[in-house]
Amino acid sequence: MSGRPVDQLDANLLRVLHTLLSERSVTRTAMKLGQSQPAISNMLKRLRDITGDAILVRGKNGMTSTERGQELLLLARQGLSLLESIASPPPAFVAATSERVFHLGAPDYLSVLLIPLVMEKVRELAPNAVLVVHALNAGFDYAAALESGELDCVIGNWPDLPPHLHIAQLFEDDVVCMVNRKHPVVGKGLSLKYYLEMAHLAPTPYMMGHRSIIDTALAEQGLKRKIQMTIPYFGMVPYILSKTDLVFTTSRSFAVQCAKDWPIEILAMPIAMPKMQFFMLWHERVHAAAEVQWLRRIVAEAAGEVYA
């Protein structure tokens, strides 16, 4: 026979090998597998050629396995079990008992409302699971992290969505401005001229080489704001606005949450702006994985509750 011996093995030969060594009889093997004795005898010959061992030899009370045959019985049993595992569907995901470690990427401005609710749901439904939230920043290649399995999915609002990833829109939000409640603009009203002349606070981009959706929308209308300061964390925004005359342009949900506990005034944008759209992205490698499908449902449900 040509080719490597391993290339001549298939599931049927492995099953015959296991049955022959279990029954120690060509006749009983043929009956058990529903095949003819000549067919089983022929496959035994093939197995002897492949393994280089007699496998079964005549003894005082019928056939007995060789020493190598005893080893092959265990290997055949393991091989058939492995093939069955490969051909069987994966076990059902049970959140209540799962100990899986989930990895979710998200910019920190979602930490005020969405991420805590996602964590609450995971803690309630999968108390033994672990959820690791990774901050997105300009030095983090989230697309590569999704492909490698470092991340299960990511949430954010991107001006350009990678075409090779799966995408689901989670929610959209209005664009508003945040200022210190004592800022003069609160009484005078925020005009477009004043908005463009004001000193702006802006987040550090979390994608290298991409303008924010605010600056992109302004540029499309031939406008540009004056960014005076940038910060890496949204949690710093209310602290800074409470001490300065800066203006921060952001989503309404974030502004409303900050205004509950800080001397913050929310002002309407003085120019028409498209709504902020937030998406969840994931790679094809986990598209059919039951546990990651569950995580995506949790994120989508949380987004639906927060931004209904």
C-alpha atoms as a PDB file:
ATOM      1  CA  MET A   1       0.000   0.000   0.000  1.00  0.00           C
ATOM      2  CA  SER A   2       1.197   3.513  -0.809  1.00  0.00           C
ATOM      3  CA  GLY A   3       1.271   6.512   1.486  1.00  0.00           C
ATOM      4  CA  ARG A   4       1.927   6.793   5.183  1.00  0.00           C
ATOM      5  CA  PRO A   5       0.209   4.107   7.313  1.00  0.00           C
ATOM      6  CA  VAL A   6      -1.735   6.739   9.248  1.00  0.00           C
ATOM      7  CA  ASP A   7      -3.263   8.026   6.013  1.00  0.00           C
ATOM      8  CA  GLN A   8      -4.843   4.604   5.437  1.00  0.00           C
ATOM      9  CA  LEU A   9      -6.788   4.692   8.682  1.00  0.00           C
ATOM     10  CA  ASP A  10     -10.381   5.853   8.757  1.00  0.00           C
ATOM     11  CA  ALA A  11     -13.246   5.729  11.253  1.00  0.00           C
ATOM     12  CA  ASN A  12     -14.547   2.445   9.841  1.00  0.00           C
ATOM     13  CA  LEU A  13     -11.174   0.685  10.176  1.00  0.00           C
ATOM     14  CA  LEU A  14     -10.781   2.083  13.678  1.00  0.00           C
ATOM     15  CA  ARG A  15     -14.194   0.711  14.631  1.00  0.00           C
ATOM     16  CA  VAL A  16     -13.313  -2.699  13.163  1.00  0.00           C
ATOM     17  CA  LEU A  17     -10.017  -2.689  15.073  1.00  0.00           C
ATOM     18  CA  HIS A  18     -11.779  -1.880  18.343  1.00  0.00           C
ATOM     19  CA  THR A  19     -14.437  -4.550  17.817  1.00  0.00           C
ATOM     20  CA  LEU A  20     -11.947  -7.223  16.760  1.00  0.00           C
ATOM     21  CA  LEU A  21      -9.848  -6.639  19.856  1.00  0.00           C
ATOM     22  CA  SER A  22     -12.914  -6.504  22.105  1.00  0.00           C
ATOM     23  CA  GLU A  23     -14.601  -9.633  20.674  1.00  0.00           C
ATOM     24  CA  ARG A  24     -11.383 -11.494  19.702  1.00  0.00           C
ATOM     25  CA  SER A  25     -13.350 -13.109  16.907  1.00  0.00           C
ATOM     26  CA  VAL A  26     -13.755 -12.334  13.201  1.00  0.00           C
ATOM     27  CA  THR A  27     -17.169 -14.023  13.219  1.00  0.00           C
ATOM     28  CA  ARG A  28     -18.551 -12.088  16.183  1.00  0.00           C
ATOM     29  CA  THR A  29     -17.091  -8.851  14.809  1.00  0.00           C
ATOM     30  CA  ALA A  30     -18.803  -9.436  11.466  1.00  0.00           C
ATOM     31  CA  MET A  31     -22.135 -10.114  13.181  1.00  0.00           C
ATOM     32  CA  LYS A  32     -21.808  -7.108  15.497  1.00  0.00           C
ATOM     33  CA  LEU A  33     -20.935  -4.710  12.684  1.00  0.00           C
ATOM     34  CA  GLY A  34     -23.369  -6.207  10.179  1.00  0.00           C
ATOM     35  CA  GLN A  35     -20.685  -7.125   7.670  1.00  0.00           C
ATOM     36  CA  SER A  36     -19.511 -10.365   6.055  1.00  0.00           C
ATOM     37  CA  GLN A  37     -16.725 -12.478   7.496  1.00  0.00           C
ATOM     38  CA  PRO A  38     -14.582 -12.119   4.321  1.00  0.00           C
ATOM     39  CA  ALA A  39     -14.905  -8.319   4.580  1.00  0.00           C
ATOM     40  CA  ILE A  40     -13.776  -8.332   8.219  1.00  0.00           C
ATOM     41  CA  SER A  41     -10.940 -10.767   7.414  1.00  0.00           C
ATOM     42  CA  ASN A  42      -9.795  -8.427   4.646  1.00  0.00           C
ATOM     43  CA  MET A  43      -9.863  -5.426   7.002  1.00  0.00           C
ATOM     44  CA  LEU A  44      -7.894  -7.382   9.598  1.00  0.00           C
ATOM     45  CA  LYS A  45      -5.255  -7.983   6.950  1.00  0.00           C
ATOM     46  CA  ARG A  46      -5.201  -4.254   6.157  1.00  0.00           C
ATOM     47  CA  LEU A  47      -4.864  -3.427   9.847  1.00  0.00           C
ATOM     48  CA  ARG A  48      -1.946  -5.848  10.153  1.00  0.00           C
ATOM     49  CA  ASP A  49      -0.235  -4.158   7.204  1.00  0.00           C
ATOM     50  CA  ILE A  50      -0.815  -0.702   8.649  1.00  0.00           C
ATOM     51  CA  THR A  51       0.309  -1.516  12.207  1.00  0.00           C
ATOM     52  CA  GLY A  52       3.013  -4.005  11.360  1.00  0.00           C
ATOM     53  CA  ASP A  53       1.578  -6.341  14.011  1.00  0.00           C
ATOM     54  CA  ALA A  54      -0.523  -9.500  13.906  1.00  0.00           C
ATOM     55  CA  ILE A  55      -3.014  -7.879  16.357  1.00  0.00           C
ATOM     56  CA  LEU A  56      -4.898 -11.184  16.877  1.00  0.00           C
ATOM     57  CA  VAL A  57      -3.300 -14.628  16.958  1.00  0.00           C
ATOM     58  CA  ARG A  58      -4.643 -18.124  17.558  1.00  0.00           C
ATOM     59  CA  GLY A  59      -4.632 -19.345  21.121  1.00  0.00           C
ATOM     60  CA  LYS A  60      -5.766 -22.453  23.009  1.00  0.00           C
ATOM     61  CA  ASN A  61      -9.334 -21.167  23.332  1.00  0.00           C
ATOM     62  CA  GLY A  62      -9.672 -19.150  20.135  1.00  0.00           C
ATOM     63  CA  MET A  63      -8.129 -15.844  19.129  1.00  0.00           C
ATOM     64  CA  THR A  64      -6.103 -13.745  21.565  1.00  0.00           C
ATOM     65  CA  SER A  65      -4.619 -10.308  21.184  1.00  0.00           C
ATOM     66  CA  THR A  66      -0.924  -9.666  20.890  1.00  0.00           C
ATOM     67  CA  GLU A  67       0.819  -7.435  23.402  1.00  0.00           C
ATOM     68  CA  ARG A  68       0.674  -4.611  20.846  1.00  0.00           C
ATOM     69  CA  GLY A  69      -2.960  -5.475  20.257  1.00  0.00           C
ATOM     70  CA  GLN A  70      -3.734  -4.729  23.908  1.00  0.00           C
ATOM     71  CA  GLU A  71      -2.216  -1.273  23.485  1.00  0.00           C
ATOM     72  CA  LEU A  72      -4.159  -0.760  20.253  1.00  0.00           C
ATOM     73  CA  LEU A  73      -7.454  -1.600  21.975  1.00  0.00           C
ATOM     74  CA  LEU A  74      -6.992   1.354  24.334  1.00  0.00           C
ATOM     75  CA  LEU A  75      -5.854   3.633  21.510  1.00  0.00           C
ATOM     76  CA  ALA A  76      -8.786   2.589  19.312  1.00  0.00           C
ATOM     77  CA  ARG A  77     -11.220   3.285  22.155  1.00  0.00           C
ATOM     78  CA  GLN A  78      -9.682   6.733  22.654  1.00  0.00           C
ATOM     79  CA  GLY A  79      -9.666   7.430  18.912  1.00  0.00           C
ATOM     80  CA  LEU A  80     -13.340   6.534  18.496  1.00  0.00           C
ATOM     81  CA  SER A  81     -14.216   8.694  21.495  1.00  0.00           C
ATOM     82  CA  LEU A  82     -12.271  11.583  20.002  1.00  0.00           C
ATOM     83  CA  LEU A  83     -13.976  11.207  16.622  1.00  0.00           C
ATOM     84  CA  GLU A  84     -17.349  11.137  18.330  1.00  0.00           C
ATOM     85  CA  SER A  85     -16.488  14.328  20.210  1.00  0.00           C
ATOM     86  CA  ILE A  86     -15.452  16.044  16.988  1.00  0.00           C
ATOM     87  CA  ALA A  87     -18.662  15.005  15.225  1.00  0.00           C
ATOM     88  CA  SER A  88     -20.927  15.896  18.144  1.00  0.00           C
ATOM     89  CA  PRO A  89     -22.312  19.393  18.695  1.00  0.00           C
ATOM     90  CA  PRO A  90     -20.648  21.379  21.478  1.00  0.00           C
ATOM     91  CA  PRO A  91     -22.226  21.050  24.913  1.00  0.00           C
ATOM     92  CA  ALA A  92     -24.999  23.502  25.667  1.00  0.00           C
ATOM     93  CA  PHE A  93     -23.906  26.701  27.399  1.00  0.00           C
ATOM     94  CA  VAL A  94     -25.361  26.925  30.891  1.00  0.00           C
ATOM     95  CA  ALA A  95     -24.811  30.414  32.268  1.00  0.00           C
ATOM     96  CA  ALA A  96     -25.678  29.465  35.843  1.00  0.00           C
ATOM     97  CA  THR A  97     -22.758  27.028  36.090  1.00  0.00           C
ATOM     98  CA  SER A  98     -20.324  28.515  33.576  1.00  0.00           C
ATOM     99  CA  GLU A  99     -16.852  29.499  34.757  1.00  0.00           C
ATOM    100  CA  ARG A 100     -15.864  31.049  31.446  1.00  0.00           C
ATOM    101  CA  VAL A 101     -13.745  34.197  31.362  1.00  0.00           C
ATOM    102  CA  PHE A 102     -15.405  36.769  29.069  1.00  0.00           C
ATOM    103  CA  HIS A 103     -13.420  39.624  27.545  1.00  0.00           C
ATOM    104  CA  LEU A 104     -15.302  42.776  26.539  1.00  0.00           C
ATOM    105  CA  GLY A 105     -13.695  45.868  25.011  1.00  0.00           C
ATOM    106  CA  ALA A 106     -15.313  49.249  25.610  1.00  0.00           C
ATOM    107  CA  PRO A 107     -14.340  52.926  25.763  1.00  0.00           C
ATOM    108  CA  ASP A 108     -14.553  54.346  29.245  1.00  0.00           C
ATOM    109  CA  TYR A 109     -17.471  56.716  28.526  1.00  0.00           C
ATOM    110  CA  LEU A 110     -19.743  53.672  28.665  1.00  0.00           C
ATOM    111  CA  SER A 111     -18.635  52.966  32.235  1.00  0.00           C
ATOM    112  CA  VAL A 112     -21.288  55.265  33.719  1.00  0.00           C
ATOM    113  CA  LEU A 113     -24.412  53.397  32.642  1.00  0.00           C
ATOM    114  CA  LEU A 114     -23.999  50.472  30.254  1.00  0.00           C
ATOM    115  CA  ILE A 115     -21.028  48.541  31.650  1.00  0.00           C
ATOM    116  CA  PRO A 116     -22.330  48.442  35.251  1.00  0.00           C
ATOM    117  CA  LEU A 117     -25.643  47.028  34.003  1.00  0.00           C
ATOM    118  CA  VAL A 118     -23.837  44.419  31.876  1.00  0.00           C
ATOM    119  CA  MET A 119     -21.846  43.438  34.953  1.00  0.00           C
ATOM    120  CA  GLU A 120     -25.000  43.255  37.054  1.00  0.00           C
ATOM    121  CA  LYS A 121     -26.635  40.901  34.564  1.00  0.00           C
ATOM    122  CA  VAL A 122     -23.561  38.679  34.233  1.00  0.00           C
ATOM    123  CA  ARG A 123     -23.208  38.505  38.017  1.00  0.00           C
ATOM    124  CA  GLU A 124     -26.877  37.584  38.409  1.00  0.00           C
ATOM    125  CA  LEU A 125     -27.122  35.020  35.608  1.00  0.00           C
ATOM    126  CA  ALA A 126     -23.584  33.585  35.596  1.00  0.00           C
ATOM    127  CA  PRO A 127     -22.250  34.038  39.145  1.00  0.00           C
ATOM    128  CA  ASN A 128     -19.213  31.813  38.535  1.00  0.00           C
ATOM    129  CA  ALA A 129     -18.193  33.480  35.273  1.00  0.00           C
ATOM    130  CA  VAL A 130     -15.522  36.159  35.047  1.00  0.00           C
ATOM    131  CA  LEU A 131     -16.002  39.378  33.053  1.00  0.00           C
ATOM    132  CA  VAL A 132     -12.889  41.354  32.111  1.00  0.00           C
ATOM    133  CA  VAL A 133     -13.519  44.778  30.571  1.00  0.00           C
ATOM    134  CA  HIS A 134     -10.653  46.098  28.455  1.00  0.00           C
ATOM    135  CA  ALA A 135     -10.313  49.840  27.870  1.00  0.00           C
ATOM    136  CA  LEU A 136     -10.046  50.873  24.236  1.00  0.00           C
ATOM    137  CA  ASN A 137      -7.347  53.415  23.454  1.00  0.00           C
ATOM    138  CA  ALA A 138      -5.313  54.617  20.517  1.00  0.00           C
ATOM    139  CA  GLY A 139      -2.602  52.007  21.098  1.00  0.00           C
ATOM    140  CA  PHE A 140      -4.960  49.021  21.248  1.00  0.00           C
ATOM    141  CA  ASP A 141      -5.707  47.178  17.994  1.00  0.00           C
ATOM    142  CA  TYR A 142      -9.174  45.883  18.883  1.00  0.00           C
ATOM    143  CA  ALA A 143      -9.693  44.234  15.469  1.00  0.00           C
ATOM    144  CA  ALA A 144      -6.567  42.104  15.947  1.00  0.00           C
ATOM    145  CA  ALA A 145      -7.640  41.349  19.541  1.00  0.00           C
ATOM    146  CA  LEU A 146     -11.009  40.082  18.275  1.00  0.00           C
ATOM    147  CA  GLU A 147      -9.313  37.885  15.674  1.00  0.00           C
ATOM    148  CA  SER A 148      -6.849  36.395  18.161  1.00  0.00           C
ATOM    149  CA  GLY A 149      -9.497  35.739  20.815  1.00  0.00           C
ATOM    150  CA  GLU A 150      -8.077  38.283  23.262  1.00  0.00           C
ATOM    151  CA  LEU A 151     -11.500  39.945  23.076  1.00  0.00           C
ATOM    152  CA  ASP A 152     -14.924  38.322  22.610  1.00  0.00           C
ATOM    153  CA  CYS A 153     -16.609  41.529  21.451  1.00  0.00           C
ATOM    154  CA  VAL A 154     -16.191  45.290  21.625  1.00  0.00           C
ATOM    155  CA  ILE A 155     -18.570  48.219  22.025  1.00  0.00           C
ATOM    156  CA  GLY A 156     -18.046  51.727  20.722  1.00  0.00           C
ATOM    157  CA  ASN A 157     -18.973  54.370  18.164  1.00  0.00           C
ATOM    158  CA  TRP A 158     -16.708  54.288  15.141  1.00  0.00           C
ATOM    159  CA  PRO A 159     -16.763  56.665  12.172  1.00  0.00           C
ATOM    160  CA  ASP A 160     -15.577  53.778   9.954  1.00  0.00           C
ATOM    161  CA  LEU A 161     -16.666  50.223  10.707  1.00  0.00           C
ATOM    162  CA  PRO A 162     -14.313  47.345   9.749  1.00  0.00           C
ATOM    163  CA  PRO A 163     -16.075  45.403   6.960  1.00  0.00           C
ATOM    164  CA  HIS A 164     -14.718  41.988   8.003  1.00  0.00           C
ATOM    165  CA  LEU A 165     -16.311  42.024  11.459  1.00  0.00           C
ATOM    166  CA  HIS A 166     -19.877  41.218  12.490  1.00  0.00           C
ATOM    167  CA  ILE A 167     -21.748  44.352  13.524  1.00  0.00           C
ATOM    168  CA  ALA A 168     -24.906  45.006  15.524  1.00  0.00           C
ATOM    169  CA  GLN A 169     -26.211  48.473  16.298  1.00  0.00           C
ATOM    170  CA  LEU A 170     -26.923  48.808  20.015  1.00  0.00           C
ATOM    171  CA  PHE A 171     -28.376  52.287  20.411  1.00  0.00           C
ATOM    172  CA  GLU A 172     -28.112  55.912  19.305  1.00  0.00           C
ATOM    173  CA  ASP A 173     -27.959  59.098  21.323  1.00  0.00           C
ATOM    174  CA  ASP A 174     -28.226  62.863  20.826  1.00  0.00           C
ATOM    175  CA  VAL A 175     -25.145  65.055  20.851  1.00  0.00           C
ATOM    176  CA  VAL A 176     -25.183  67.781  23.537  1.00  0.00           C
ATOM    177  CA  CYS A 177     -22.790  70.140  25.295  1.00  0.00           C
ATOM    178  CA  MET A 178     -21.770  70.148  28.963  1.00  0.00           C
ATOM    179  CA  VAL A 179     -20.525  73.243  30.800  1.00  0.00           C
ATOM    180  CA  ASN A 180     -20.129  74.469  34.347  1.00  0.00           C
ATOM    181  CA  ARG A 181     -23.518  75.625  35.625  1.00  0.00           C
ATOM    182  CA  LYS A 182     -22.002  79.065  36.379  1.00  0.00           C
ATOM    183  CA  HIS A 183     -20.630  79.504  32.860  1.00  0.00           C
ATOM    184  CA  PRO A 184     -21.791  82.793  31.229  1.00  0.00           C
ATOM    185  CA  VAL A 185     -23.045  80.890  28.191  1.00  0.00           C
ATOM    186  CA  VAL A 186     -25.783  79.317  30.322  1.00  0.00           C
ATOM    187  CA  GLY A 187     -27.577  82.654  30.603  1.00  0.00           C
ATOM    188  CA  LYS A 188     -26.703  84.020  27.162  1.00  0.00           C
ATOM    189  CA  GLY A 189     -27.414  80.915  25.120  1.00  0.00           C
ATOM    190  CA  LEU A 190     -24.966  78.918  23.046  1.00  0.00           C
ATOM    191  CA  SER A 191     -24.625  80.233  19.495  1.00  0.00           C
ATOM    192  CA  LEU A 192     -22.623  78.486  16.794  1.00  0.00           C
ATOM    193  CA  LYS A 193     -20.139  81.385  16.721  1.00  0.00           C
ATOM    194  CA  TYR A 194     -19.552  81.149  20.459  1.00  0.00           C
ATOM    195  CA  TYR A 195     -19.355  77.333  20.330  1.00  0.00           C
ATOM    196  CA  LEU A 196     -16.534  77.484  17.777  1.00  0.00           C
ATOM    197  CA  GLU A 197     -14.690  80.209  19.736  1.00  0.00           C
ATOM    198  CA  MET A 198     -14.940  78.482  23.131  1.00  0.00           C
ATOM    199  CA  ALA A 199     -12.140  76.389  24.595  1.00  0.00           C
ATOM    200  CA  HIS A 200     -13.107  72.732  24.274  1.00  0.00           C
ATOM    201  CA  LEU A 201     -12.345  69.715  26.415  1.00  0.00           C
ATOM    202  CA  ALA A 202     -12.179  66.515  24.326  1.00  0.00           C
ATOM    203  CA  PRO A 203     -11.396  62.849  24.933  1.00  0.00           C
ATOM    204  CA  THR A 204      -8.162  61.355  23.698  1.00  0.00           C
ATOM    205  CA  PRO A 205      -9.012  59.390  20.512  1.00  0.00           C
ATOM    206  CA  TYR A 206      -9.232  55.662  21.182  1.00  0.00           C
ATOM    207  CA  MET A 207      -8.404  54.826  17.569  1.00  0.00           C
ATOM    208  CA  MET A 208      -5.132  55.881  16.036  1.00  0.00           C
ATOM    209  CA  GLY A 209      -5.543  58.162  13.012  1.00  0.00           C
ATOM    210  CA  HIS A 210      -9.296  58.701  13.387  1.00  0.00           C
ATOM    211  CA  ARG A 211     -11.061  61.971  14.124  1.00  0.00           C
ATOM    212  CA  SER A 212     -13.929  61.890  16.565  1.00  0.00           C
ATOM    213  CA  ILE A 213     -17.451  61.797  15.165  1.00  0.00           C
ATOM    214  CA  ILE A 214     -17.922  65.357  16.495  1.00  0.00           C
ATOM    215  CA  ASP A 215     -14.966  66.733  14.542  1.00  0.00           C
ATOM    216  CA  THR A 216     -15.899  64.663  11.499  1.00  0.00           C
ATOM    217  CA  ALA A 217     -19.440  66.102  11.479  1.00  0.00           C
ATOM    218  CA  LEU A 218     -18.121  69.651  11.919  1.00  0.00           C
ATOM    219  CA  ALA A 219     -15.535  69.192   9.151  1.00  0.00           C
ATOM    220  CA  GLU A 220     -18.261  68.033   6.762  1.00  0.00           C
ATOM    221  CA  GLN A 221     -19.822  71.485   7.236  1.00  0.00           C
ATOM    222  CA  GLY A 222     -16.489  73.296   6.877  1.00  0.00           C
ATOM    223  CA  LEU A 223     -16.214  74.002  10.599  1.00  0.00           C
ATOM    224  CA  LYS A 224     -13.596  73.328  13.257  1.00  0.00           C
ATOM    225  CA  ARG A 225     -13.730  73.684  17.044  1.00  0.00           C
ATOM    226  CA  LYS A 226     -10.857  74.788  19.274  1.00  0.00           C
ATOM    227  CA  ILE A 227      -9.751  71.846  21.415  1.00  0.00           C
ATOM    228  CA  GLN A 228      -7.823  73.293  24.328  1.00  0.00           C
ATOM    229  CA  MET A 229      -7.414  70.192  26.477  1.00  0.00           C
ATOM    230  CA  THR A 230      -7.741  66.420  26.044  1.00  0.00           C
ATOM    231  CA  ILE A 231      -8.248  63.722  28.667  1.00  0.00           C
ATOM    232  CA  PRO A 232      -7.884  59.936  28.573  1.00  0.00           C
ATOM    233  CA  TYR A 233     -10.805  59.159  30.926  1.00  0.00           C
ATOM    234  CA  PHE A 234     -14.405  60.313  30.794  1.00  0.00           C
ATOM    235  CA  GLY A 235     -14.605  59.994  34.568  1.00  0.00           C
ATOM    236  CA  MET A 236     -12.478  63.152  34.770  1.00  0.00           C
ATOM    237  CA  VAL A 237     -14.955  65.278  32.796  1.00  0.00           C
ATOM    238  CA  PRO A 238     -17.237  66.515  35.614  1.00  0.00           C
ATOM    239  CA  TYR A 239     -14.245  67.258  37.833  1.00  0.00           C
ATOM    240  CA  ILE A 240     -12.661  69.411  35.127  1.00  0.00           C
ATOM    241  CA  LEU A 241     -15.861  71.198  34.072  1.00  0.00           C
ATOM    242  CA  SER A 242     -16.616  72.073  37.685  1.00  0.00           C
ATOM    243  CA  LYS A 243     -13.263  73.923  37.854  1.00  0.00           C
ATOM    244  CA  THR A 244     -12.967  75.470  34.367  1.00  0.00           C
ATOM    245  CA  ASP A 245     -14.822  77.322  31.620  1.00  0.00           C
ATOM    246  CA  LEU A 246     -14.308  74.499  29.118  1.00  0.00           C
ATOM    247  CA  VAL A 247     -17.134  72.957  27.071  1.00  0.00           C
ATOM    248  CA  PHE A 248     -17.434  69.217  26.527  1.00  0.00           C
ATOM    249  CA  THR A 249     -19.418  67.759  23.626  1.00  0.00           C
ATOM    250  CA  THR A 250     -20.778  64.288  24.255  1.00  0.00           C
ATOM    251  CA  SER A 251     -23.814  62.000  24.287  1.00  0.00           C
ATOM    252  CA  ARG A 252     -26.936  63.090  26.153  1.00  0.00           C
ATOM    253  CA  SER A 253     -27.010  59.980  28.353  1.00  0.00           C
ATOM    254  CA  PHE A 254     -23.496  60.660  29.648  1.00  0.00           C
ATOM    255  CA  ALA A 255     -24.265  64.339  30.247  1.00  0.00           C
ATOM    256  CA  VAL A 256     -27.525  63.596  32.090  1.00  0.00           C
ATOM    257  CA  GLN A 257     -25.792  61.140  34.400  1.00  0.00           C
ATOM    258  CA  CYS A 258     -23.042  63.652  35.249  1.00  0.00           C
ATOM    259  CA  ALA A 259     -25.532  66.487  35.805  1.00  0.00           C
ATOM    260  CA  LYS A 260     -27.253  64.453  38.543  1.00  0.00           C
ATOM    261  CA  ASP A 261     -24.268  64.764  40.875  1.00  0.00           C
ATOM    262  CA  TRP A 262     -22.304  67.734  39.584  1.00  0.00           C
ATOM    263  CA  PRO A 263     -22.907  71.472  38.886  1.00  0.00           C
ATOM    264  CA  ILE A 264     -23.208  70.731  35.202  1.00  0.00           C
ATOM    265  CA  GLU A 265     -25.552  72.396  32.696  1.00  0.00           C
ATOM    266  CA  ILE A 266     -26.594  70.549  29.537  1.00  0.00           C
ATOM    267  CA  LEU A 267     -26.953  72.708  26.434  1.00  0.00           C
ATOM    268  CA  ALA A 268     -28.299  71.835  23.010  1.00  0.00           C
ATOM    269  CA  MET A 269     -25.859  71.809  20.110  1.00  0.00           C
ATOM    270  CA  PRO A 270     -26.076  75.085  18.154  1.00  0.00           C
ATOM    271  CA  ILE A 271     -25.832  73.166  14.890  1.00  0.00           C
ATOM    272  CA  ALA A 272     -27.585  70.097  13.539  1.00  0.00           C
ATOM    273  CA  MET A 273     -25.551  66.992  14.284  1.00  0.00           C
ATOM    274  CA  PRO A 274     -26.199  63.345  13.436  1.00  0.00           C
ATOM    275  CA  LYS A 275     -26.979  61.145  16.399  1.00  0.00           C
ATOM    276  CA  MET A 276     -24.153  59.181  17.959  1.00  0.00           C
ATOM    277  CA  GLN A 277     -24.485  55.544  16.928  1.00  0.00           C
ATOM    278  CA  PHE A 278     -23.073  52.817  19.131  1.00  0.00           C
ATOM    279  CA  PHE A 279     -22.213  49.366  17.836  1.00  0.00           C
ATOM    280  CA  MET A 280     -21.085  45.969  19.043  1.00  0.00           C
ATOM    281  CA  LEU A 281     -18.487  44.168  16.931  1.00  0.00           C
ATOM    282  CA  TRP A 282     -17.217  40.578  16.994  1.00  0.00           C
ATOM    283  CA  HIS A 283     -15.185  38.238  14.821  1.00  0.00           C
ATOM    284  CA  GLU A 284     -16.395  35.292  12.776  1.00  0.00           C
ATOM    285  CA  ARG A 285     -14.314  32.965  14.981  1.00  0.00           C
ATOM    286  CA  VAL A 286     -16.846  33.367  17.839  1.00  0.00           C
ATOM    287  CA  HIS A 287     -19.952  34.073  15.772  1.00  0.00           C
ATOM    288  CA  ALA A 288     -21.436  30.619  16.444  1.00  0.00           C
ATOM    289  CA  ALA A 289     -19.984  30.133  19.949  1.00  0.00           C
ATOM    290  CA  ALA A 290     -22.922  29.693  22.331  1.00  0.00           C
ATOM    291  CA  GLU A 291     -21.185  31.396  25.264  1.00  0.00           C
ATOM    292  CA  VAL A 292     -20.288  34.497  23.240  1.00  0.00           C
ATOM    293  CA  GLN A 293     -23.779  34.595  21.740  1.00  0.00           C
ATOM    294  CA  TRP A 294     -25.018  34.714  25.337  1.00  0.00           C
ATOM    295  CA  LEU A 295     -22.684  37.606  26.188  1.00  0.00           C
ATOM    296  CA  ARG A 296     -23.847  39.529  23.125  1.00  0.00           C
ATOM    297  CA  ARG A 297     -27.472  39.059  24.190  1.00  0.00           C
ATOM    298  CA  ILE A 298     -26.618  40.361  27.660  1.00  0.00           C
ATOM    299  CA  VAL A 299     -24.954  43.462  26.186  1.00  0.00           C
ATOM    300  CA  ALA A 300     -27.849  44.058  23.784  1.00  0.00           C
ATOM    301  CA  GLU A 301     -30.443  43.670  26.542  1.00  0.00           C
ATOM    302  CA  ALA A 302     -28.542  46.054  28.810  1.00  0.00           C
ATOM    303  CA  ALA A 303     -28.259  48.623  26.016  1.00  0.00           C
ATOM    304  CA  GLY A 304     -31.998  48.312  25.363  1.00  0.00           C
ATOM    305  CA  GLU A 305     -32.783  48.992  29.017  1.00  0.00           C
ATOM    306  CA  VAL A 306     -30.406  51.932  29.427  1.00  0.00           C
ATOM    307  CA  TYR A 307     -31.127  53.689  26.164  1.00  0.00           C
ATOM    308  CA  ALA A 308     -34.772  52.799  25.587  1.00  0.00           C
END
